[in-house]
Amino acid sequence: MCGTKKLRKAEEGDFCLLLEKEVAYCGMLSSELDEKKIPYKTMPYGSGVRSAFGMSLENYRVYVPFGFLEAAKQVVEERENFETETFRKSLLENSDLMNIAPKLEKKLQKKFGFASETELIGYCADVIKSAQKIVDGGRIAWGAAHYLFCCSSGVTLTVNSQTFEILALRSDKK
């Protein structure tokens, strides 16, 4: 019963939630889990509104048996590290295309104390170089571009994957 405090220890065969991600990611992850012979189950998950319009749900939840949970987490970590390096390479190879809207530039110059756009763009390139994690935040509206979130020691940089426009720079320190 929900809300009960009496829980038993997980057993080897109990399915545990590994993650919830978009369909494409789960498809790639499924291949990797198959390759490592890690059993899993996927279930569509998302907004019921999409179902009402006959659209497929945007996300899947991936479950693995408890006995395989640590191995599955390792597969996810390896996939995330690979993606981070792939995104980092793309962003740095195109750093000369990085740009920022004038309104946002003024706001960030004031907030972070940058003297010029060049200094701000340079700082953003440094954030990309040192990012511990770069993740695909999903598609921007209906286009092909995606939000890329670069997380590095106290700041998160958001970049358009197609135009390389800096969309946001946020300090994670409160």
N, C-alpha and C. Protein backbone atom coordinates (compact mmCIF):
# COMPACT_ATOMS: atom_id res chain seq x y z
N MET A 1 0.84 -1.18 0.00
CA MET A 1 0.00 0.00 0.00
C MET A 1 0.88 1.25 0.00
N CYS A 2 0.50 2.24 -0.76
CA CYS A 2 1.27 3.49 -0.84
C CYS A 2 1.30 4.18 0.52
N GLY A 3 2.41 4.78 0.82
CA GLY A 3 2.54 5.54 2.05
C GLY A 3 2.97 4.71 3.24
N THR A 4 3.10 3.41 3.07
CA THR A 4 3.48 2.58 4.20
C THR A 4 4.97 2.73 4.49
N LYS A 5 5.33 2.58 5.73
CA LYS A 5 6.73 2.69 6.13
C LYS A 5 7.41 1.33 6.09
N LYS A 6 6.61 0.26 5.99
CA LYS A 6 7.18 -1.09 5.97
C LYS A 6 7.58 -1.44 4.54
N LEU A 7 8.88 -1.41 4.30
CA LEU A 7 9.39 -1.76 2.99
C LEU A 7 10.34 -2.95 3.14
N ARG A 8 10.31 -3.82 2.18
CA ARG A 8 11.25 -4.95 2.21
C ARG A 8 12.48 -4.57 1.40
N LYS A 9 13.56 -5.29 1.62
CA LYS A 9 14.77 -5.06 0.85
C LYS A 9 14.54 -5.51 -0.58
N ALA A 10 15.15 -4.79 -1.51
CA ALA A 10 15.02 -5.15 -2.92
C ALA A 10 15.68 -6.49 -3.16
N GLU A 11 15.06 -7.29 -4.00
CA GLU A 11 15.61 -8.60 -4.36
C GLU A 11 16.16 -8.52 -5.78
N GLU A 12 17.04 -9.46 -6.12
CA GLU A 12 17.73 -9.48 -7.41
C GLU A 12 16.80 -9.24 -8.60
N GLY A 13 15.63 -9.85 -8.61
CA GLY A 13 14.73 -9.79 -9.76
C GLY A 13 13.75 -8.64 -9.75
N ASP A 14 13.72 -7.84 -8.69
CA ASP A 14 12.80 -6.69 -8.63
C ASP A 14 13.23 -5.64 -9.64
N PHE A 15 12.28 -5.17 -10.45
CA PHE A 15 12.61 -4.14 -11.42
C PHE A 15 12.67 -2.77 -10.75
N CYS A 16 13.71 -2.01 -11.11
CA CYS A 16 13.95 -0.67 -10.56
C CYS A 16 14.01 0.33 -11.71
N LEU A 17 13.55 1.53 -11.46
CA LEU A 17 13.62 2.58 -12.46
C LEU A 17 15.07 3.00 -12.65
N LEU A 18 15.55 2.88 -13.87
CA LEU A 18 16.91 3.31 -14.20
C LEU A 18 16.90 4.78 -14.60
N LEU A 19 16.00 5.14 -15.52
CA LEU A 19 15.91 6.53 -15.96
C LEU A 19 14.66 6.75 -16.79
N GLU A 20 14.39 8.02 -17.02
CA GLU A 20 13.32 8.44 -17.94
C GLU A 20 13.95 9.42 -18.91
N LYS A 21 13.89 9.09 -20.20
CA LYS A 21 14.49 9.94 -21.23
C LYS A 21 13.63 9.89 -22.48
N GLU A 22 14.00 10.74 -23.46
CA GLU A 22 13.28 10.78 -24.73
C GLU A 22 13.48 9.46 -25.48
N VAL A 23 12.57 9.21 -26.39
CA VAL A 23 12.50 7.95 -27.12
C VAL A 23 13.83 7.61 -27.81
N ALA A 24 14.44 8.57 -28.51
CA ALA A 24 15.67 8.30 -29.26
C ALA A 24 16.80 7.84 -28.33
N TYR A 25 16.93 8.51 -27.20
CA TYR A 25 17.97 8.13 -26.24
C TYR A 25 17.75 6.71 -25.76
N CYS A 26 16.51 6.39 -25.43
CA CYS A 26 16.19 5.05 -24.92
C CYS A 26 16.45 3.98 -25.98
N GLY A 27 16.25 4.31 -27.25
CA GLY A 27 16.56 3.37 -28.32
C GLY A 27 18.04 3.04 -28.37
N MET A 28 18.88 4.06 -28.26
CA MET A 28 20.33 3.84 -28.25
C MET A 28 20.76 3.07 -27.00
N LEU A 29 20.18 3.45 -25.86
CA LEU A 29 20.51 2.79 -24.60
C LEU A 29 20.09 1.32 -24.65
N SER A 30 18.94 1.03 -25.24
CA SER A 30 18.46 -0.35 -25.36
C SER A 30 19.48 -1.20 -26.09
N SER A 31 20.05 -0.68 -27.16
CA SER A 31 21.07 -1.41 -27.93
C SER A 31 22.28 -1.72 -27.06
N GLU A 32 22.69 -0.75 -26.26
CA GLU A 32 23.85 -0.93 -25.40
C GLU A 32 23.56 -1.93 -24.28
N LEU A 33 22.35 -1.87 -23.73
CA LEU A 33 21.98 -2.84 -22.69
C LEU A 33 21.92 -4.25 -23.27
N ASP A 34 21.37 -4.37 -24.48
CA ASP A 34 21.34 -5.67 -25.16
C ASP A 34 22.76 -6.21 -25.34
N GLU A 35 23.64 -5.34 -25.79
CA GLU A 35 25.04 -5.72 -26.03
C GLU A 35 25.70 -6.25 -24.76
N LYS A 36 25.38 -5.62 -23.62
CA LYS A 36 25.97 -6.02 -22.33
C LYS A 36 25.15 -7.12 -21.65
N LYS A 37 24.10 -7.59 -22.35
CA LYS A 37 23.22 -8.65 -21.84
C LYS A 37 22.58 -8.28 -20.49
N ILE A 38 22.17 -7.01 -20.41
CA ILE A 38 21.46 -6.51 -19.22
C ILE A 38 19.98 -6.48 -19.57
N PRO A 39 19.16 -7.26 -18.85
CA PRO A 39 17.72 -7.26 -19.14
C PRO A 39 17.10 -5.92 -18.75
N TYR A 40 16.06 -5.52 -19.47
CA TYR A 40 15.39 -4.25 -19.19
C TYR A 40 13.97 -4.30 -19.73
N LYS A 41 13.18 -3.37 -19.29
CA LYS A 41 11.83 -3.15 -19.80
C LYS A 41 11.68 -1.66 -20.02
N THR A 42 10.99 -1.29 -21.09
CA THR A 42 10.71 0.12 -21.34
C THR A 42 9.21 0.33 -21.33
N MET A 43 8.82 1.49 -20.85
CA MET A 43 7.41 1.85 -20.83
C MET A 43 7.26 3.29 -21.30
N PRO A 44 6.34 3.54 -22.25
CA PRO A 44 6.10 4.93 -22.67
C PRO A 44 5.62 5.76 -21.48
N TYR A 45 6.05 7.01 -21.45
CA TYR A 45 5.67 7.87 -20.34
C TYR A 45 5.63 9.31 -20.85
N GLY A 46 4.66 10.05 -20.40
CA GLY A 46 4.59 11.46 -20.78
C GLY A 46 3.22 12.03 -20.55
N SER A 47 2.94 13.10 -21.24
CA SER A 47 1.71 13.85 -21.10
C SER A 47 0.53 13.10 -21.70
N GLY A 48 -0.53 12.96 -20.95
CA GLY A 48 -1.74 12.31 -21.44
C GLY A 48 -2.39 13.08 -22.57
N VAL A 49 -2.07 14.36 -22.69
CA VAL A 49 -2.63 15.18 -23.76
C VAL A 49 -2.18 14.63 -25.10
N ARG A 50 -0.92 14.20 -25.19
CA ARG A 50 -0.41 13.64 -26.43
C ARG A 50 -1.22 12.39 -26.81
N SER A 51 -1.53 11.56 -25.84
CA SER A 51 -2.32 10.35 -26.10
C SER A 51 -3.71 10.71 -26.60
N ALA A 52 -4.28 11.76 -26.03
CA ALA A 52 -5.62 12.18 -26.42
C ALA A 52 -5.67 12.59 -27.90
N PHE A 53 -4.55 13.08 -28.42
CA PHE A 53 -4.48 13.48 -29.82
C PHE A 53 -3.90 12.38 -30.71
N GLY A 54 -3.74 11.18 -30.15
CA GLY A 54 -3.23 10.06 -30.93
C GLY A 54 -1.75 10.14 -31.23
N MET A 55 -1.02 10.94 -30.46
CA MET A 55 0.42 11.08 -30.66
C MET A 55 1.14 10.15 -29.69
N SER A 56 2.31 9.66 -30.09
CA SER A 56 3.07 8.81 -29.19
C SER A 56 3.64 9.66 -28.06
N LEU A 57 3.86 9.03 -26.92
CA LEU A 57 4.42 9.75 -25.78
C LEU A 57 5.88 10.06 -26.05
N GLU A 58 6.35 11.18 -25.52
CA GLU A 58 7.67 11.68 -25.86
C GLU A 58 8.81 10.99 -25.10
N ASN A 59 8.52 10.39 -23.99
CA ASN A 59 9.56 9.77 -23.16
C ASN A 59 9.28 8.30 -22.91
N TYR A 60 10.34 7.63 -22.50
CA TYR A 60 10.23 6.24 -22.04
C TYR A 60 10.89 6.16 -20.68
N ARG A 61 10.38 5.26 -19.86
CA ARG A 61 11.04 4.91 -18.61
C ARG A 61 11.68 3.56 -18.84
N VAL A 62 12.91 3.43 -18.37
CA VAL A 62 13.65 2.18 -18.52
C VAL A 62 13.82 1.57 -17.13
N TYR A 63 13.42 0.32 -17.02
CA TYR A 63 13.52 -0.43 -15.76
C TYR A 63 14.48 -1.59 -15.95
N VAL A 64 15.28 -1.88 -14.92
CA VAL A 64 16.18 -3.04 -14.95
C VAL A 64 16.01 -3.81 -13.63
N PRO A 65 16.29 -5.12 -13.66
CA PRO A 65 16.26 -5.88 -12.40
C PRO A 65 17.30 -5.33 -11.43
N PHE A 66 16.97 -5.35 -10.15
CA PHE A 66 17.85 -4.81 -9.12
C PHE A 66 19.25 -5.39 -9.21
N GLY A 67 19.36 -6.66 -9.53
CA GLY A 67 20.66 -7.32 -9.62
C GLY A 67 21.53 -6.75 -10.74
N PHE A 68 20.95 -6.04 -11.70
CA PHE A 68 21.68 -5.46 -12.82
C PHE A 68 21.76 -3.94 -12.73
N LEU A 69 21.22 -3.37 -11.66
CA LEU A 69 21.12 -1.91 -11.57
C LEU A 69 22.47 -1.21 -11.66
N GLU A 70 23.46 -1.67 -10.92
CA GLU A 70 24.78 -1.00 -10.95
C GLU A 70 25.43 -1.09 -12.32
N ALA A 71 25.32 -2.25 -12.97
CA ALA A 71 25.89 -2.42 -14.32
C ALA A 71 25.17 -1.49 -15.31
N ALA A 72 23.86 -1.37 -15.17
CA ALA A 72 23.08 -0.50 -16.06
C ALA A 72 23.44 0.97 -15.83
N LYS A 73 23.65 1.35 -14.57
CA LYS A 73 24.06 2.72 -14.27
C LYS A 73 25.41 3.03 -14.92
N GLN A 74 26.30 2.04 -14.94
CA GLN A 74 27.62 2.21 -15.57
C GLN A 74 27.46 2.44 -17.08
N VAL A 75 26.54 1.72 -17.72
CA VAL A 75 26.28 1.90 -19.15
C VAL A 75 25.78 3.32 -19.41
N VAL A 76 24.87 3.80 -18.56
CA VAL A 76 24.33 5.16 -18.71
C VAL A 76 25.45 6.19 -18.53
N GLU A 77 26.30 5.99 -17.54
CA GLU A 77 27.41 6.93 -17.29
C GLU A 77 28.37 6.97 -18.49
N GLU A 78 28.68 5.81 -19.05
CA GLU A 78 29.55 5.76 -20.22
C GLU A 78 28.92 6.48 -21.40
N ARG A 79 27.60 6.30 -21.59
CA ARG A 79 26.88 6.97 -22.69
C ARG A 79 26.91 8.48 -22.47
N GLU A 80 26.67 8.94 -21.24
CA GLU A 80 26.68 10.37 -20.95
C GLU A 80 28.06 10.97 -21.16
N ASN A 81 29.11 10.25 -20.77
CA ASN A 81 30.48 10.74 -20.98
C ASN A 81 30.78 10.86 -22.47
N PHE A 82 30.37 9.87 -23.25
CA PHE A 82 30.57 9.90 -24.70
C PHE A 82 29.84 11.09 -25.31
N GLU A 83 28.59 11.31 -24.90
CA GLU A 83 27.81 12.44 -25.41
C GLU A 83 28.45 13.77 -25.04
N THR A 84 28.91 13.88 -23.80
CA THR A 84 29.56 15.12 -23.37
C THR A 84 30.75 15.44 -24.26
N GLU A 85 31.58 14.45 -24.53
CA GLU A 85 32.77 14.69 -25.36
C GLU A 85 32.40 15.00 -26.80
N THR A 86 31.34 14.36 -27.31
CA THR A 86 30.87 14.63 -28.67
C THR A 86 30.36 16.06 -28.78
N PHE A 87 29.54 16.49 -27.82
CA PHE A 87 29.01 17.86 -27.83
C PHE A 87 30.15 18.87 -27.64
N ARG A 88 31.08 18.57 -26.73
CA ARG A 88 32.20 19.49 -26.47
C ARG A 88 32.99 19.71 -27.77
N LYS A 89 33.30 18.63 -28.47
CA LYS A 89 34.06 18.72 -29.71
C LYS A 89 33.33 19.60 -30.73
N SER A 90 32.03 19.36 -30.91
CA SER A 90 31.24 20.15 -31.86
C SER A 90 31.22 21.63 -31.49
N LEU A 91 30.98 21.91 -30.23
CA LEU A 91 30.90 23.31 -29.79
C LEU A 91 32.24 24.03 -29.94
N LEU A 92 33.32 23.36 -29.55
CA LEU A 92 34.63 24.01 -29.64
C LEU A 92 35.08 24.18 -31.09
N GLU A 93 34.77 23.20 -31.94
CA GLU A 93 35.11 23.34 -33.36
C GLU A 93 34.37 24.51 -34.01
N ASN A 94 33.22 24.87 -33.44
CA ASN A 94 32.41 25.95 -34.00
C ASN A 94 32.39 27.18 -33.10
N SER A 95 33.36 27.30 -32.22
CA SER A 95 33.37 28.43 -31.28
C SER A 95 33.47 29.77 -31.98
N ASP A 96 34.04 29.79 -33.20
CA ASP A 96 34.11 31.05 -33.94
C ASP A 96 32.73 31.50 -34.42
N LEU A 97 31.74 30.59 -34.40
CA LEU A 97 30.38 30.94 -34.80
C LEU A 97 29.51 31.36 -33.61
N MET A 98 30.05 31.24 -32.39
CA MET A 98 29.27 31.61 -31.21
C MET A 98 28.88 33.07 -31.27
N ASN A 99 27.64 33.33 -30.90
CA ASN A 99 27.13 34.69 -30.91
C ASN A 99 26.15 34.84 -29.76
N ILE A 100 25.80 36.08 -29.50
CA ILE A 100 24.90 36.35 -28.39
C ILE A 100 24.01 37.54 -28.75
N ALA A 101 22.75 37.46 -28.41
CA ALA A 101 21.83 38.56 -28.68
C ALA A 101 22.26 39.78 -27.87
N PRO A 102 22.21 40.98 -28.47
CA PRO A 102 22.67 42.19 -27.78
C PRO A 102 22.01 42.42 -26.42
N LYS A 103 20.71 42.14 -26.33
CA LYS A 103 20.00 42.35 -25.07
C LYS A 103 20.55 41.43 -23.97
N LEU A 104 20.77 40.16 -24.32
CA LEU A 104 21.31 39.21 -23.36
C LEU A 104 22.76 39.56 -23.03
N GLU A 105 23.50 40.01 -24.04
CA GLU A 105 24.90 40.39 -23.82
C GLU A 105 25.00 41.46 -22.74
N LYS A 106 24.18 42.50 -22.84
CA LYS A 106 24.21 43.58 -21.85
C LYS A 106 23.86 43.07 -20.46
N LYS A 107 22.86 42.20 -20.40
CA LYS A 107 22.43 41.64 -19.12
C LYS A 107 23.57 40.82 -18.49
N LEU A 108 24.22 39.99 -19.29
CA LEU A 108 25.29 39.14 -18.77
C LEU A 108 26.54 39.95 -18.43
N GLN A 109 26.83 40.98 -19.22
CA GLN A 109 27.97 41.84 -18.91
C GLN A 109 27.78 42.49 -17.55
N LYS A 110 26.58 42.93 -17.30
CA LYS A 110 26.29 43.57 -16.01
C LYS A 110 26.36 42.54 -14.87
N LYS A 111 25.75 41.37 -15.09
CA LYS A 111 25.69 40.34 -14.03
C LYS A 111 27.06 39.75 -13.73
N PHE A 112 27.86 39.47 -14.77
CA PHE A 112 29.14 38.78 -14.58
C PHE A 112 30.35 39.72 -14.67
N GLY A 113 30.14 40.97 -15.08
CA GLY A 113 31.22 41.95 -15.12
C GLY A 113 32.15 41.84 -16.32
N PHE A 114 31.66 41.42 -17.46
CA PHE A 114 32.49 41.32 -18.66
C PHE A 114 32.52 42.69 -19.36
N ALA A 115 33.69 43.04 -19.89
CA ALA A 115 33.86 44.34 -20.55
C ALA A 115 33.37 44.33 -21.99
N SER A 116 33.44 43.17 -22.66
CA SER A 116 33.07 43.14 -24.08
C SER A 116 32.46 41.79 -24.45
N GLU A 117 31.87 41.75 -25.65
CA GLU A 117 31.29 40.50 -26.14
C GLU A 117 32.39 39.45 -26.32
N THR A 118 33.55 39.87 -26.78
CA THR A 118 34.66 38.95 -27.00
C THR A 118 35.06 38.27 -25.69
N GLU A 119 35.12 39.05 -24.63
CA GLU A 119 35.45 38.51 -23.31
C GLU A 119 34.38 37.52 -22.86
N LEU A 120 33.13 37.85 -23.09
CA LEU A 120 32.01 36.99 -22.71
C LEU A 120 32.03 35.68 -23.51
N ILE A 121 32.25 35.77 -24.83
CA ILE A 121 32.32 34.58 -25.68
C ILE A 121 33.51 33.70 -25.24
N GLY A 122 34.62 34.32 -24.93
CA GLY A 122 35.80 33.58 -24.46
C GLY A 122 35.50 32.84 -23.16
N TYR A 123 34.79 33.51 -22.27
CA TYR A 123 34.41 32.86 -21.01
C TYR A 123 33.51 31.66 -21.29
N CYS A 124 32.56 31.82 -22.21
CA CYS A 124 31.65 30.73 -22.55
C CYS A 124 32.42 29.54 -23.15
N ALA A 125 33.43 29.82 -23.97
CA ALA A 125 34.26 28.75 -24.53
C ALA A 125 35.01 28.03 -23.41
N ASP A 126 35.46 28.77 -22.41
CA ASP A 126 36.13 28.15 -21.26
C ASP A 126 35.16 27.27 -20.47
N VAL A 127 33.91 27.71 -20.35
CA VAL A 127 32.89 26.90 -19.67
C VAL A 127 32.72 25.58 -20.41
N ILE A 128 32.67 25.64 -21.73
CA ILE A 128 32.51 24.43 -22.54
C ILE A 128 33.71 23.51 -22.35
N LYS A 129 34.93 24.08 -22.38
CA LYS A 129 36.15 23.27 -22.21
C LYS A 129 36.17 22.55 -20.87
N SER A 130 35.71 23.22 -19.82
CA SER A 130 35.81 22.65 -18.48
C SER A 130 34.53 21.95 -18.01
N ALA A 131 33.51 21.91 -18.86
CA ALA A 131 32.22 21.33 -18.44
C ALA A 131 32.38 19.86 -18.03
N GLN A 132 31.85 19.55 -16.86
CA GLN A 132 31.85 18.16 -16.41
C GLN A 132 30.80 17.36 -17.17
N LYS A 133 29.77 18.08 -17.63
CA LYS A 133 28.66 17.42 -18.29
C LYS A 133 28.06 18.37 -19.32
N ILE A 134 27.81 17.86 -20.52
CA ILE A 134 27.09 18.61 -21.55
C ILE A 134 25.95 17.72 -21.99
N VAL A 135 24.73 18.20 -21.81
CA VAL A 135 23.56 17.37 -22.10
C VAL A 135 22.65 18.03 -23.12
N ASP A 136 21.97 17.18 -23.86
CA ASP A 136 20.96 17.63 -24.83
C ASP A 136 19.69 17.87 -24.05
N GLY A 137 19.25 19.11 -24.02
CA GLY A 137 18.05 19.48 -23.27
C GLY A 137 16.78 19.37 -24.09
N GLY A 138 16.87 18.81 -25.28
CA GLY A 138 15.68 18.65 -26.11
C GLY A 138 15.62 19.66 -27.22
N ARG A 139 14.67 19.42 -28.09
CA ARG A 139 14.51 20.23 -29.29
C ARG A 139 14.00 21.63 -28.95
N ILE A 140 14.50 22.61 -29.70
CA ILE A 140 14.03 23.99 -29.57
C ILE A 140 12.82 24.12 -30.49
N ALA A 141 11.66 24.33 -29.91
CA ALA A 141 10.40 24.44 -30.66
C ALA A 141 10.27 23.25 -31.61
N TRP A 142 9.95 23.50 -32.87
CA TRP A 142 9.73 22.43 -33.83
C TRP A 142 10.90 22.24 -34.78
N GLY A 143 11.97 23.00 -34.58
CA GLY A 143 13.11 22.94 -35.49
C GLY A 143 14.04 21.77 -35.21
N ALA A 144 15.16 21.76 -35.90
CA ALA A 144 16.15 20.70 -35.75
C ALA A 144 17.15 21.01 -34.64
N ALA A 145 17.22 22.27 -34.21
CA ALA A 145 18.18 22.66 -33.18
C ALA A 145 17.76 22.14 -31.82
N HIS A 146 18.76 21.94 -30.97
CA HIS A 146 18.53 21.48 -29.61
C HIS A 146 19.18 22.44 -28.62
N TYR A 147 18.66 22.43 -27.38
CA TYR A 147 19.30 23.15 -26.29
C TYR A 147 20.45 22.28 -25.80
N LEU A 148 21.65 22.82 -25.71
CA LEU A 148 22.76 22.11 -25.10
C LEU A 148 23.09 22.82 -23.80
N PHE A 149 23.06 22.07 -22.70
CA PHE A 149 23.35 22.61 -21.38
C PHE A 149 24.76 22.18 -20.99
N CYS A 150 25.64 23.14 -20.79
CA CYS A 150 27.03 22.89 -20.40
C CYS A 150 27.16 23.24 -18.93
N CYS A 151 27.39 22.23 -18.10
CA CYS A 151 27.46 22.42 -16.65
C CYS A 151 28.91 22.36 -16.19
N SER A 152 29.38 23.47 -15.63
CA SER A 152 30.78 23.56 -15.21
C SER A 152 30.90 24.37 -13.93
N SER A 153 31.49 23.79 -12.94
CA SER A 153 31.80 24.42 -11.65
C SER A 153 31.04 25.72 -11.34
N GLY A 154 29.77 25.57 -11.03
CA GLY A 154 28.98 26.70 -10.56
C GLY A 154 28.23 27.49 -11.60
N VAL A 155 28.39 27.16 -12.89
CA VAL A 155 27.64 27.85 -13.93
C VAL A 155 27.06 26.85 -14.93
N THR A 156 25.96 27.25 -15.53
CA THR A 156 25.35 26.46 -16.59
C THR A 156 25.17 27.38 -17.80
N LEU A 157 25.72 26.95 -18.91
CA LEU A 157 25.65 27.68 -20.17
C LEU A 157 24.68 26.95 -21.08
N THR A 158 23.77 27.69 -21.71
CA THR A 158 22.84 27.09 -22.67
C THR A 158 23.16 27.62 -24.05
N VAL A 159 23.35 26.68 -25.00
CA VAL A 159 23.74 27.04 -26.37
C VAL A 159 22.80 26.37 -27.35
N ASN A 160 22.45 27.07 -28.43
CA ASN A 160 21.68 26.50 -29.52
C ASN A 160 22.62 25.61 -30.33
N SER A 161 22.27 24.33 -30.49
CA SER A 161 23.17 23.37 -31.14
C SER A 161 23.36 23.64 -32.63
N GLN A 162 22.48 24.41 -33.23
CA GLN A 162 22.56 24.64 -34.67
C GLN A 162 23.18 25.99 -35.01
N THR A 163 22.76 27.04 -34.32
CA THR A 163 23.26 28.38 -34.63
C THR A 163 24.43 28.78 -33.74
N PHE A 164 24.66 28.02 -32.66
CA PHE A 164 25.71 28.29 -31.68
C PHE A 164 25.50 29.61 -30.95
N GLU A 165 24.23 30.04 -30.91
CA GLU A 165 23.88 31.24 -30.15
C GLU A 165 23.87 30.90 -28.67
N ILE A 166 24.46 31.77 -27.88
CA ILE A 166 24.41 31.62 -26.43
C ILE A 166 23.04 32.10 -25.99
N LEU A 167 22.30 31.20 -25.38
CA LEU A 167 20.93 31.50 -24.99
C LEU A 167 20.82 31.92 -23.53
N ALA A 168 21.72 31.41 -22.70
CA ALA A 168 21.68 31.75 -21.27
C ALA A 168 22.99 31.38 -20.61
N LEU A 169 23.31 32.08 -19.56
CA LEU A 169 24.45 31.77 -18.70
C LEU A 169 23.96 32.03 -17.28
N ARG A 170 23.92 30.96 -16.52
CA ARG A 170 23.35 31.07 -15.18
C ARG A 170 24.35 30.61 -14.13
N SER A 171 24.47 31.38 -13.08
CA SER A 171 25.29 30.99 -11.96
C SER A 171 24.47 30.08 -11.07
N ASP A 172 25.04 28.92 -10.73
CA ASP A 172 24.33 27.97 -9.89
C ASP A 172 24.49 28.27 -8.41
N LYS A 173 25.35 29.24 -8.10
CA LYS A 173 25.58 29.63 -6.71
C LYS A 173 24.46 30.53 -6.25
N LYS A 174 24.02 30.30 -5.03
CA LYS A 174 22.92 31.11 -4.50
C LYS A 174 23.41 32.12 -3.52
